[in-house]
């Protein structure tokens, strides 16, 4: 099982740097954020990115759905777990969460809440699959954050469309344990 200090790092700083391109990686590493969500990478550069982030003392979670060159199967997950060794993975796919959990990898399930059906099915999925945390998008829905936080037994991260300090505060007040954002000015809040 990978050592995971996700919760303690979130308690130090609830802002998570979401990195969509490798040029922003350096800024994320230099920011006060303790956790980085990697939203871009490929089979050729992922090991180097993870090594660089970990050398800086930060935790890194890679979004499996957005990594190029990997199949979405048990072999890709084994490679990620044994060779790349991130602190965990993010995915929208319940099947990948199940595989990762079997391999002892920390899992974050990303949910896009666009209507009542996706809200209900998302809550059911979390309660069935039991990821280690859930990221809900968009994160600027305090009512929905509060509802999900009260109905699931895993930490909630709010992400997407977070644009200012007020969004961060509202999400935390609504029950989010962390906020993921690609907005660099929020990384330094």
N, C-alpha and C. Protein backbone atom coordinates (compact mmCIF):
# COMPACT_ATOMS: atom_id res chain seq x y z
N UNK A 1 0.85 -1.20 0.00
CA UNK A 1 0.00 0.00 0.00
C UNK A 1 0.88 1.24 0.00
N UNK A 2 0.56 2.16 -0.86
CA UNK A 2 1.33 3.40 -0.91
C UNK A 2 1.06 4.24 0.32
N UNK A 3 2.12 4.86 0.83
CA UNK A 3 1.96 5.78 1.94
C UNK A 3 1.20 7.00 1.43
N UNK A 4 0.16 7.39 2.12
CA UNK A 4 -0.61 8.52 1.63
C UNK A 4 -0.91 9.52 2.72
N UNK A 5 -0.42 10.72 2.52
CA UNK A 5 -0.67 11.78 3.50
C UNK A 5 -1.59 12.85 2.93
N UNK A 6 -2.50 12.41 2.08
CA UNK A 6 -3.46 13.31 1.43
C UNK A 6 -4.20 14.18 2.44
N UNK A 7 -4.76 13.56 3.47
CA UNK A 7 -5.58 14.30 4.43
C UNK A 7 -4.76 15.28 5.24
N UNK A 8 -3.56 14.90 5.67
CA UNK A 8 -2.75 15.83 6.46
C UNK A 8 -2.27 16.99 5.61
N UNK A 9 -1.94 16.73 4.35
CA UNK A 9 -1.52 17.83 3.47
C UNK A 9 -2.68 18.79 3.18
N UNK A 10 -3.90 18.24 3.04
CA UNK A 10 -5.06 19.11 2.84
C UNK A 10 -5.33 19.96 4.07
N UNK A 11 -5.05 19.41 5.24
CA UNK A 11 -5.29 20.19 6.46
C UNK A 11 -4.27 21.32 6.59
N UNK A 12 -3.09 21.16 6.00
CA UNK A 12 -2.08 22.23 5.99
C UNK A 12 -2.51 23.31 5.00
N UNK A 13 -2.94 22.90 3.81
CA UNK A 13 -3.37 23.84 2.77
C UNK A 13 -4.46 23.17 1.93
N UNK A 14 -5.70 23.65 2.00
CA UNK A 14 -6.79 23.01 1.26
C UNK A 14 -6.80 23.30 -0.24
N UNK A 15 -5.90 24.17 -0.71
CA UNK A 15 -5.85 24.49 -2.14
C UNK A 15 -4.96 23.47 -2.85
N UNK A 16 -5.50 22.89 -3.92
CA UNK A 16 -4.78 21.91 -4.73
C UNK A 16 -4.48 22.54 -6.08
N UNK A 17 -3.21 22.50 -6.49
CA UNK A 17 -2.81 23.04 -7.80
C UNK A 17 -3.14 22.02 -8.88
N UNK A 18 -4.08 22.36 -9.75
CA UNK A 18 -4.44 21.50 -10.88
C UNK A 18 -3.62 21.97 -12.08
N UNK A 19 -2.75 21.11 -12.58
CA UNK A 19 -1.82 21.48 -13.64
C UNK A 19 -2.26 20.87 -14.96
N UNK A 20 -2.61 21.77 -15.91
CA UNK A 20 -3.10 21.34 -17.22
C UNK A 20 -2.02 21.30 -18.29
N UNK A 21 -0.87 21.93 -18.02
CA UNK A 21 0.23 21.85 -18.98
C UNK A 21 1.56 21.90 -18.25
N UNK A 22 2.55 21.25 -18.84
CA UNK A 22 3.82 21.06 -18.15
C UNK A 22 4.56 22.37 -17.88
N UNK A 23 4.25 23.42 -18.63
CA UNK A 23 4.89 24.72 -18.39
C UNK A 23 4.48 25.29 -17.01
N UNK A 24 3.29 24.93 -16.55
CA UNK A 24 2.79 25.44 -15.26
C UNK A 24 3.28 24.59 -14.08
N UNK A 25 3.90 23.46 -14.38
CA UNK A 25 4.33 22.55 -13.32
C UNK A 25 5.29 23.23 -12.34
N UNK A 26 6.25 23.97 -12.86
CA UNK A 26 7.23 24.64 -12.01
C UNK A 26 6.54 25.61 -11.05
N UNK A 27 5.58 26.38 -11.56
CA UNK A 27 4.83 27.33 -10.71
C UNK A 27 4.08 26.58 -9.61
N UNK A 28 3.50 25.44 -9.95
CA UNK A 28 2.77 24.65 -8.96
C UNK A 28 3.73 24.13 -7.89
N UNK A 29 4.89 23.68 -8.31
CA UNK A 29 5.90 23.18 -7.37
C UNK A 29 6.35 24.30 -6.43
N UNK A 30 6.50 25.51 -6.95
CA UNK A 30 6.96 26.65 -6.14
C UNK A 30 5.85 27.26 -5.30
N UNK A 31 4.60 26.93 -5.59
CA UNK A 31 3.46 27.50 -4.86
C UNK A 31 3.38 26.89 -3.46
N UNK A 32 2.57 27.50 -2.58
CA UNK A 32 2.39 26.93 -1.25
C UNK A 32 1.52 25.66 -1.23
N UNK A 33 0.94 25.29 -2.37
CA UNK A 33 0.11 24.09 -2.43
C UNK A 33 0.93 22.86 -2.07
N UNK A 34 0.35 22.00 -1.26
CA UNK A 34 1.01 20.75 -0.85
C UNK A 34 0.71 19.62 -1.81
N UNK A 35 -0.39 19.77 -2.58
CA UNK A 35 -0.87 18.70 -3.47
C UNK A 35 -1.01 19.24 -4.89
N UNK A 36 -0.61 18.41 -5.84
CA UNK A 36 -0.75 18.75 -7.26
C UNK A 36 -1.59 17.66 -7.93
N UNK A 37 -2.61 18.10 -8.68
CA UNK A 37 -3.38 17.20 -9.53
C UNK A 37 -2.82 17.39 -10.94
N UNK A 38 -2.27 16.34 -11.52
CA UNK A 38 -1.71 16.41 -12.86
C UNK A 38 -2.78 16.04 -13.88
N UNK A 39 -3.14 17.00 -14.72
CA UNK A 39 -4.21 16.82 -15.69
C UNK A 39 -3.69 16.68 -17.12
N UNK A 40 -2.37 16.57 -17.26
CA UNK A 40 -1.78 16.41 -18.60
C UNK A 40 -0.47 15.66 -18.44
N UNK A 41 -0.25 14.72 -19.31
CA UNK A 41 0.99 13.96 -19.31
C UNK A 41 0.85 12.78 -20.24
N UNK A 42 1.95 12.05 -20.38
CA UNK A 42 1.91 10.89 -21.27
C UNK A 42 2.87 9.82 -20.80
N UNK A 43 2.82 8.71 -21.46
CA UNK A 43 3.61 7.54 -21.10
C UNK A 43 5.11 7.85 -21.10
N UNK A 44 5.53 8.85 -21.89
CA UNK A 44 6.95 9.20 -21.99
C UNK A 44 7.44 10.14 -20.88
N UNK A 45 6.56 11.03 -20.39
CA UNK A 45 7.04 12.03 -19.42
C UNK A 45 6.52 11.87 -17.99
N UNK A 46 5.60 10.96 -17.78
CA UNK A 46 4.92 10.87 -16.49
C UNK A 46 5.86 10.51 -15.33
N UNK A 47 6.79 9.58 -15.55
CA UNK A 47 7.71 9.19 -14.48
C UNK A 47 8.57 10.37 -14.04
N UNK A 48 9.07 11.12 -14.99
CA UNK A 48 9.92 12.29 -14.69
C UNK A 48 9.12 13.36 -13.94
N UNK A 49 7.89 13.61 -14.37
CA UNK A 49 7.04 14.62 -13.70
C UNK A 49 6.79 14.21 -12.25
N UNK A 50 6.40 12.97 -12.04
CA UNK A 50 6.11 12.48 -10.68
C UNK A 50 7.36 12.58 -9.81
N UNK A 51 8.51 12.17 -10.35
CA UNK A 51 9.77 12.23 -9.59
C UNK A 51 10.09 13.67 -9.19
N UNK A 52 9.94 14.59 -10.13
CA UNK A 52 10.25 16.01 -9.88
C UNK A 52 9.36 16.59 -8.78
N UNK A 53 8.07 16.29 -8.84
CA UNK A 53 7.12 16.80 -7.85
C UNK A 53 7.43 16.22 -6.46
N UNK A 54 7.69 14.93 -6.42
CA UNK A 54 7.98 14.28 -5.13
C UNK A 54 9.30 14.77 -4.54
N UNK A 55 10.29 15.04 -5.39
CA UNK A 55 11.57 15.57 -4.90
C UNK A 55 11.38 16.93 -4.24
N UNK A 56 10.37 17.66 -4.68
CA UNK A 56 10.07 18.98 -4.11
C UNK A 56 9.25 18.85 -2.82
N UNK A 57 8.93 17.62 -2.42
CA UNK A 57 8.19 17.40 -1.18
C UNK A 57 6.68 17.55 -1.32
N UNK A 58 6.21 17.60 -2.55
CA UNK A 58 4.77 17.73 -2.81
C UNK A 58 4.18 16.35 -3.12
N UNK A 59 2.87 16.23 -2.98
CA UNK A 59 2.16 15.02 -3.38
C UNK A 59 1.57 15.23 -4.76
N UNK A 60 1.53 14.15 -5.54
CA UNK A 60 0.99 14.25 -6.90
C UNK A 60 0.00 13.13 -7.18
N UNK A 61 -1.12 13.52 -7.75
CA UNK A 61 -2.21 12.60 -8.12
C UNK A 61 -2.42 12.79 -9.61
N UNK A 62 -2.35 11.69 -10.36
CA UNK A 62 -2.46 11.82 -11.81
C UNK A 62 -3.86 11.42 -12.29
N UNK A 63 -4.37 12.24 -13.19
CA UNK A 63 -5.70 11.99 -13.75
C UNK A 63 -5.55 10.98 -14.88
N UNK A 64 -5.89 9.74 -14.57
CA UNK A 64 -5.70 8.63 -15.52
C UNK A 64 -6.41 8.85 -16.85
N UNK A 65 -7.59 9.44 -16.82
CA UNK A 65 -8.38 9.62 -18.04
C UNK A 65 -7.70 10.59 -19.01
N UNK A 66 -6.81 11.43 -18.50
CA UNK A 66 -6.19 12.48 -19.32
C UNK A 66 -4.74 12.17 -19.70
N UNK A 67 -4.20 11.03 -19.26
CA UNK A 67 -2.84 10.64 -19.60
C UNK A 67 -2.83 9.97 -20.97
N UNK A 68 -1.93 10.42 -21.82
CA UNK A 68 -1.85 9.86 -23.18
C UNK A 68 -0.94 8.64 -23.20
N UNK A 69 -1.33 7.65 -24.00
CA UNK A 69 -0.50 6.48 -24.21
C UNK A 69 -0.78 5.33 -23.26
N UNK A 70 -1.75 5.49 -22.37
CA UNK A 70 -2.11 4.42 -21.44
C UNK A 70 -3.50 3.90 -21.79
N UNK A 71 -3.65 2.58 -21.79
CA UNK A 71 -4.98 1.99 -21.91
C UNK A 71 -5.66 2.19 -20.56
N UNK A 72 -6.94 2.05 -20.50
CA UNK A 72 -7.67 2.18 -19.23
C UNK A 72 -7.95 0.78 -18.70
N UNK A 73 -6.86 0.09 -18.30
CA UNK A 73 -7.02 -1.30 -17.87
C UNK A 73 -6.08 -1.63 -16.72
N UNK A 74 -6.12 -2.88 -16.31
CA UNK A 74 -5.34 -3.34 -15.16
C UNK A 74 -3.83 -3.22 -15.42
N UNK A 75 -3.38 -3.42 -16.66
CA UNK A 75 -1.95 -3.35 -16.96
C UNK A 75 -1.43 -1.91 -16.84
N UNK A 76 -2.20 -0.97 -17.34
CA UNK A 76 -1.81 0.44 -17.20
C UNK A 76 -1.76 0.82 -15.71
N UNK A 77 -2.74 0.38 -14.96
CA UNK A 77 -2.80 0.70 -13.54
C UNK A 77 -1.63 0.07 -12.80
N UNK A 78 -1.27 -1.17 -13.17
CA UNK A 78 -0.12 -1.83 -12.55
C UNK A 78 1.16 -1.05 -12.85
N UNK A 79 1.32 -0.62 -14.10
CA UNK A 79 2.50 0.16 -14.48
C UNK A 79 2.57 1.46 -13.68
N UNK A 80 1.45 2.16 -13.62
CA UNK A 80 1.40 3.42 -12.86
C UNK A 80 1.77 3.17 -11.40
N UNK A 81 1.18 2.13 -10.82
CA UNK A 81 1.40 1.81 -9.41
C UNK A 81 2.84 1.41 -9.12
N UNK A 82 3.41 0.54 -9.95
CA UNK A 82 4.73 -0.03 -9.67
C UNK A 82 5.90 0.78 -10.20
N UNK A 83 5.72 1.46 -11.32
CA UNK A 83 6.85 2.17 -11.95
C UNK A 83 6.78 3.69 -11.76
N UNK A 84 5.60 4.27 -11.93
CA UNK A 84 5.45 5.73 -11.84
C UNK A 84 5.35 6.16 -10.39
N UNK A 85 4.60 5.42 -9.59
CA UNK A 85 4.45 5.63 -8.15
C UNK A 85 3.96 7.03 -7.75
N UNK A 86 2.82 7.47 -8.31
CA UNK A 86 2.25 8.73 -7.82
C UNK A 86 1.66 8.48 -6.43
N UNK A 87 1.22 9.54 -5.77
CA UNK A 87 0.57 9.38 -4.47
C UNK A 87 -0.83 8.81 -4.64
N UNK A 88 -1.37 8.92 -5.85
CA UNK A 88 -2.69 8.39 -6.13
C UNK A 88 -3.13 8.75 -7.53
N UNK A 89 -4.36 8.35 -7.84
CA UNK A 89 -4.91 8.63 -9.17
C UNK A 89 -6.27 9.29 -9.05
N UNK A 90 -6.65 9.96 -10.13
CA UNK A 90 -7.96 10.58 -10.28
C UNK A 90 -8.57 9.97 -11.53
N UNK A 91 -9.86 9.67 -11.49
CA UNK A 91 -10.53 9.16 -12.69
C UNK A 91 -12.04 9.37 -12.54
N UNK A 92 -12.72 9.41 -13.66
CA UNK A 92 -14.18 9.46 -13.65
C UNK A 92 -14.76 8.04 -13.72
N UNK A 93 -13.90 7.07 -13.96
CA UNK A 93 -14.36 5.70 -14.24
C UNK A 93 -14.33 4.80 -13.00
N UNK A 94 -15.49 4.29 -12.63
CA UNK A 94 -15.60 3.39 -11.48
C UNK A 94 -14.75 2.14 -11.67
N UNK A 95 -14.65 1.64 -12.90
CA UNK A 95 -13.86 0.43 -13.16
C UNK A 95 -12.37 0.65 -12.84
N UNK A 96 -11.86 1.84 -13.12
CA UNK A 96 -10.45 2.16 -12.82
C UNK A 96 -10.28 2.31 -11.31
N UNK A 97 -11.27 2.90 -10.63
CA UNK A 97 -11.21 3.03 -9.17
C UNK A 97 -11.08 1.63 -8.55
N UNK A 98 -11.90 0.69 -9.02
CA UNK A 98 -11.87 -0.68 -8.48
C UNK A 98 -10.50 -1.32 -8.67
N UNK A 99 -9.95 -1.21 -9.88
CA UNK A 99 -8.63 -1.79 -10.17
C UNK A 99 -7.57 -1.15 -9.27
N UNK A 100 -7.58 0.17 -9.20
CA UNK A 100 -6.58 0.90 -8.40
C UNK A 100 -6.66 0.50 -6.93
N UNK A 101 -7.87 0.40 -6.40
CA UNK A 101 -8.04 0.02 -4.99
C UNK A 101 -7.49 -1.38 -4.74
N UNK A 102 -7.71 -2.30 -5.68
CA UNK A 102 -7.18 -3.66 -5.54
C UNK A 102 -5.65 -3.66 -5.50
N UNK A 103 -5.04 -2.67 -6.15
CA UNK A 103 -3.58 -2.56 -6.18
C UNK A 103 -3.05 -1.70 -5.02
N UNK A 104 -3.95 -1.22 -4.16
CA UNK A 104 -3.53 -0.41 -3.02
C UNK A 104 -3.21 1.03 -3.36
N UNK A 105 -3.74 1.53 -4.48
CA UNK A 105 -3.50 2.90 -4.91
C UNK A 105 -4.60 3.82 -4.35
N UNK A 106 -4.21 4.99 -3.85
CA UNK A 106 -5.16 5.98 -3.35
C UNK A 106 -5.98 6.49 -4.52
N UNK A 107 -7.31 6.55 -4.36
CA UNK A 107 -8.19 6.89 -5.48
C UNK A 107 -9.06 8.10 -5.19
N UNK A 108 -9.18 8.95 -6.23
CA UNK A 108 -10.08 10.09 -6.18
C UNK A 108 -11.00 9.95 -7.39
N UNK A 109 -12.29 9.86 -7.12
CA UNK A 109 -13.26 9.76 -8.21
C UNK A 109 -13.76 11.16 -8.54
N UNK A 110 -13.65 11.53 -9.81
CA UNK A 110 -14.11 12.84 -10.26
C UNK A 110 -15.51 12.69 -10.82
N UNK A 111 -16.42 13.54 -10.33
CA UNK A 111 -17.82 13.52 -10.79
C UNK A 111 -18.19 14.86 -11.39
N UNK A 112 -18.85 14.82 -12.52
CA UNK A 112 -19.40 16.03 -13.13
C UNK A 112 -20.89 16.06 -12.79
N UNK A 113 -21.31 17.03 -12.02
CA UNK A 113 -22.70 17.15 -11.59
C UNK A 113 -23.38 18.18 -12.49
N UNK A 114 -24.20 17.67 -13.41
CA UNK A 114 -24.85 18.58 -14.36
C UNK A 114 -26.36 18.65 -14.18
N UNK A 115 -26.91 17.68 -13.43
CA UNK A 115 -28.35 17.67 -13.20
C UNK A 115 -28.65 16.74 -12.02
N UNK A 116 -29.92 16.60 -11.67
CA UNK A 116 -30.29 15.75 -10.53
C UNK A 116 -29.95 14.28 -10.76
N UNK A 117 -30.05 13.82 -11.99
CA UNK A 117 -29.72 12.43 -12.29
C UNK A 117 -28.23 12.16 -12.03
N UNK A 118 -27.36 13.06 -12.51
CA UNK A 118 -25.92 12.86 -12.28
C UNK A 118 -25.57 13.00 -10.80
N UNK A 119 -26.30 13.83 -10.08
CA UNK A 119 -26.09 13.96 -8.63
C UNK A 119 -26.44 12.64 -7.93
N UNK A 120 -27.61 12.11 -8.21
CA UNK A 120 -28.06 10.86 -7.59
C UNK A 120 -27.16 9.69 -7.97
N UNK A 121 -26.86 9.56 -9.26
CA UNK A 121 -26.01 8.43 -9.67
C UNK A 121 -24.59 8.60 -9.15
N UNK A 122 -24.11 9.84 -9.03
CA UNK A 122 -22.78 10.09 -8.47
C UNK A 122 -22.70 9.67 -7.01
N UNK A 123 -23.70 10.03 -6.22
CA UNK A 123 -23.73 9.64 -4.80
C UNK A 123 -23.79 8.12 -4.69
N UNK A 124 -24.61 7.48 -5.50
CA UNK A 124 -24.70 6.01 -5.49
C UNK A 124 -23.36 5.37 -5.86
N UNK A 125 -22.71 5.93 -6.87
CA UNK A 125 -21.41 5.40 -7.30
C UNK A 125 -20.37 5.51 -6.19
N UNK A 126 -20.30 6.65 -5.54
CA UNK A 126 -19.33 6.85 -4.45
C UNK A 126 -19.59 5.84 -3.33
N UNK A 127 -20.85 5.69 -2.97
CA UNK A 127 -21.19 4.78 -1.87
C UNK A 127 -20.97 3.31 -2.24
N UNK A 128 -21.00 2.99 -3.54
CA UNK A 128 -20.77 1.63 -3.99
C UNK A 128 -19.28 1.34 -4.17
N UNK A 129 -18.59 2.20 -4.90
CA UNK A 129 -17.19 1.98 -5.26
C UNK A 129 -16.24 2.36 -4.12
N UNK A 130 -16.61 3.31 -3.29
CA UNK A 130 -15.83 3.74 -2.12
C UNK A 130 -14.43 4.25 -2.46
N UNK A 131 -14.33 5.29 -3.31
CA UNK A 131 -13.00 5.87 -3.54
C UNK A 131 -12.51 6.50 -2.23
N UNK A 132 -11.23 6.83 -2.17
CA UNK A 132 -10.68 7.45 -0.96
C UNK A 132 -11.13 8.90 -0.82
N UNK A 133 -11.45 9.54 -1.93
CA UNK A 133 -11.97 10.92 -1.93
C UNK A 133 -12.76 11.09 -3.23
N UNK A 134 -13.54 12.16 -3.28
CA UNK A 134 -14.30 12.47 -4.48
C UNK A 134 -14.10 13.94 -4.82
N UNK A 135 -13.94 14.21 -6.13
CA UNK A 135 -13.85 15.59 -6.59
C UNK A 135 -15.11 15.88 -7.38
N UNK A 136 -15.84 16.91 -6.97
CA UNK A 136 -17.06 17.25 -7.68
C UNK A 136 -16.83 18.50 -8.52
N UNK A 137 -17.40 18.47 -9.72
CA UNK A 137 -17.25 19.57 -10.65
C UNK A 137 -18.61 19.93 -11.24
N UNK A 138 -18.92 21.18 -11.46
CA UNK A 138 -18.09 22.32 -11.04
C UNK A 138 -18.16 22.52 -9.53
N UNK A 139 -17.12 23.13 -9.00
CA UNK A 139 -16.99 23.29 -7.56
C UNK A 139 -17.69 24.51 -6.98
N UNK A 140 -18.36 25.27 -7.81
CA UNK A 140 -19.00 26.50 -7.34
C UNK A 140 -20.48 26.27 -7.04
N UNK A 141 -20.76 25.14 -6.40
CA UNK A 141 -22.14 24.80 -6.05
C UNK A 141 -22.20 24.42 -4.58
N UNK A 142 -22.17 25.40 -3.68
CA UNK A 142 -22.14 25.07 -2.25
C UNK A 142 -23.29 24.16 -1.80
N UNK A 143 -24.49 24.35 -2.33
CA UNK A 143 -25.62 23.49 -1.95
C UNK A 143 -25.36 22.03 -2.29
N UNK A 144 -24.81 21.81 -3.48
CA UNK A 144 -24.53 20.45 -3.94
C UNK A 144 -23.35 19.86 -3.15
N UNK A 145 -22.33 20.68 -2.90
CA UNK A 145 -21.19 20.24 -2.09
C UNK A 145 -21.68 19.77 -0.72
N UNK A 146 -22.58 20.56 -0.13
CA UNK A 146 -23.13 20.22 1.19
C UNK A 146 -23.91 18.91 1.13
N UNK A 147 -24.72 18.74 0.10
CA UNK A 147 -25.54 17.52 -0.04
C UNK A 147 -24.64 16.29 -0.19
N UNK A 148 -23.65 16.37 -1.09
CA UNK A 148 -22.76 15.23 -1.30
C UNK A 148 -21.97 14.94 -0.03
N UNK A 149 -21.44 15.98 0.62
CA UNK A 149 -20.66 15.80 1.86
C UNK A 149 -21.47 15.09 2.93
N UNK A 150 -22.78 15.37 2.97
CA UNK A 150 -23.61 14.77 4.01
C UNK A 150 -24.04 13.34 3.66
N UNK A 151 -23.96 12.96 2.39
CA UNK A 151 -24.45 11.65 1.98
C UNK A 151 -23.38 10.61 1.66
N UNK A 152 -22.12 11.02 1.66
CA UNK A 152 -21.04 10.06 1.40
C UNK A 152 -20.06 10.08 2.56
N UNK A 153 -19.34 9.02 2.71
CA UNK A 153 -18.40 8.91 3.83
C UNK A 153 -16.96 9.08 3.38
N UNK A 154 -16.74 9.87 2.32
CA UNK A 154 -15.39 10.15 1.84
C UNK A 154 -15.21 11.66 1.74
N UNK A 155 -13.96 12.13 1.85
CA UNK A 155 -13.71 13.57 1.73
C UNK A 155 -14.12 14.10 0.35
N UNK A 156 -14.63 15.31 0.33
CA UNK A 156 -15.08 15.94 -0.91
C UNK A 156 -14.12 17.07 -1.28
N UNK A 157 -13.76 17.12 -2.56
CA UNK A 157 -12.95 18.19 -3.12
C UNK A 157 -13.83 18.91 -4.13
N UNK A 158 -13.84 20.23 -4.08
CA UNK A 158 -14.59 21.01 -5.06
C UNK A 158 -13.61 21.51 -6.12
N UNK A 159 -13.94 21.32 -7.38
CA UNK A 159 -13.07 21.76 -8.46
C UNK A 159 -13.86 22.26 -9.64
N UNK A 160 -13.25 23.08 -10.45
CA UNK A 160 -13.90 23.58 -11.66
C UNK A 160 -14.65 24.87 -11.41
N UNK A 161 -14.32 25.88 -12.18
CA UNK A 161 -14.94 27.21 -12.14
C UNK A 161 -14.68 27.97 -10.84
N UNK A 162 -13.75 27.52 -10.02
CA UNK A 162 -13.37 28.24 -8.81
C UNK A 162 -12.59 29.47 -9.29
N UNK A 163 -13.10 30.66 -9.00
CA UNK A 163 -12.45 31.83 -9.58
C UNK A 163 -11.90 32.84 -8.56
N UNK A 164 -12.31 32.72 -7.29
CA UNK A 164 -11.81 33.70 -6.32
C UNK A 164 -11.88 33.16 -4.89
N UNK A 165 -11.43 33.97 -3.95
CA UNK A 165 -11.39 33.60 -2.54
C UNK A 165 -12.78 33.24 -2.02
N UNK A 166 -13.80 33.97 -2.47
CA UNK A 166 -15.17 33.71 -2.04
C UNK A 166 -15.60 32.29 -2.42
N UNK A 167 -15.25 31.84 -3.64
CA UNK A 167 -15.58 30.48 -4.07
C UNK A 167 -14.91 29.45 -3.16
N UNK A 168 -13.66 29.72 -2.80
CA UNK A 168 -12.91 28.81 -1.93
C UNK A 168 -13.59 28.73 -0.56
N UNK A 169 -13.88 29.89 0.03
CA UNK A 169 -14.50 29.94 1.35
C UNK A 169 -15.87 29.28 1.34
N UNK A 170 -16.69 29.59 0.33
CA UNK A 170 -18.03 29.00 0.24
C UNK A 170 -17.97 27.47 0.14
N UNK A 171 -17.02 26.97 -0.64
CA UNK A 171 -16.89 25.52 -0.80
C UNK A 171 -16.45 24.85 0.50
N UNK A 172 -15.50 25.46 1.20
CA UNK A 172 -15.03 24.90 2.48
C UNK A 172 -16.17 24.92 3.50
N UNK A 173 -16.89 26.04 3.56
CA UNK A 173 -18.03 26.15 4.49
C UNK A 173 -19.09 25.09 4.19
N UNK A 174 -19.23 24.73 2.91
CA UNK A 174 -20.25 23.75 2.50
C UNK A 174 -19.81 22.31 2.75
N UNK A 175 -18.57 22.13 3.19
CA UNK A 175 -18.13 20.78 3.53
C UNK A 175 -16.99 20.22 2.70
N UNK A 176 -16.49 20.99 1.73
CA UNK A 176 -15.36 20.50 0.94
C UNK A 176 -14.11 20.50 1.80
N UNK A 177 -13.33 19.43 1.70
CA UNK A 177 -12.08 19.34 2.44
C UNK A 177 -10.95 20.05 1.69
N UNK A 178 -11.11 20.13 0.37
CA UNK A 178 -10.10 20.76 -0.47
C UNK A 178 -10.72 21.38 -1.69
N UNK A 179 -9.92 22.24 -2.36
CA UNK A 179 -10.36 22.93 -3.56
C UNK A 179 -9.29 22.72 -4.62
N UNK A 180 -9.66 22.16 -5.78
CA UNK A 180 -8.68 22.03 -6.86
C UNK A 180 -8.96 23.11 -7.88
N UNK A 181 -7.89 23.76 -8.34
CA UNK A 181 -8.04 24.84 -9.31
C UNK A 181 -6.79 24.97 -10.16
N UNK A 182 -6.99 25.37 -11.41
CA UNK A 182 -5.85 25.65 -12.28
C UNK A 182 -5.51 27.14 -12.25
N UNK A 183 -6.27 27.93 -11.50
CA UNK A 183 -6.00 29.38 -11.39
C UNK A 183 -4.82 29.62 -10.46
N UNK A 184 -3.71 30.04 -11.04
CA UNK A 184 -2.48 30.21 -10.28
C UNK A 184 -2.60 31.22 -9.15
N UNK A 185 -3.40 32.28 -9.35
CA UNK A 185 -3.54 33.28 -8.30
C UNK A 185 -4.19 32.71 -7.04
N UNK A 186 -4.98 31.66 -7.20
CA UNK A 186 -5.61 31.01 -6.03
C UNK A 186 -4.61 30.08 -5.35
N UNK A 187 -3.66 29.52 -6.11
CA UNK A 187 -2.64 28.65 -5.51
C UNK A 187 -1.89 29.37 -4.39
N UNK A 188 -1.70 30.68 -4.55
CA UNK A 188 -0.91 31.46 -3.58
C UNK A 188 -1.76 32.13 -2.52
N UNK A 189 -3.04 31.79 -2.43
CA UNK A 189 -3.92 32.41 -1.42
C UNK A 189 -3.48 32.09 -0.01
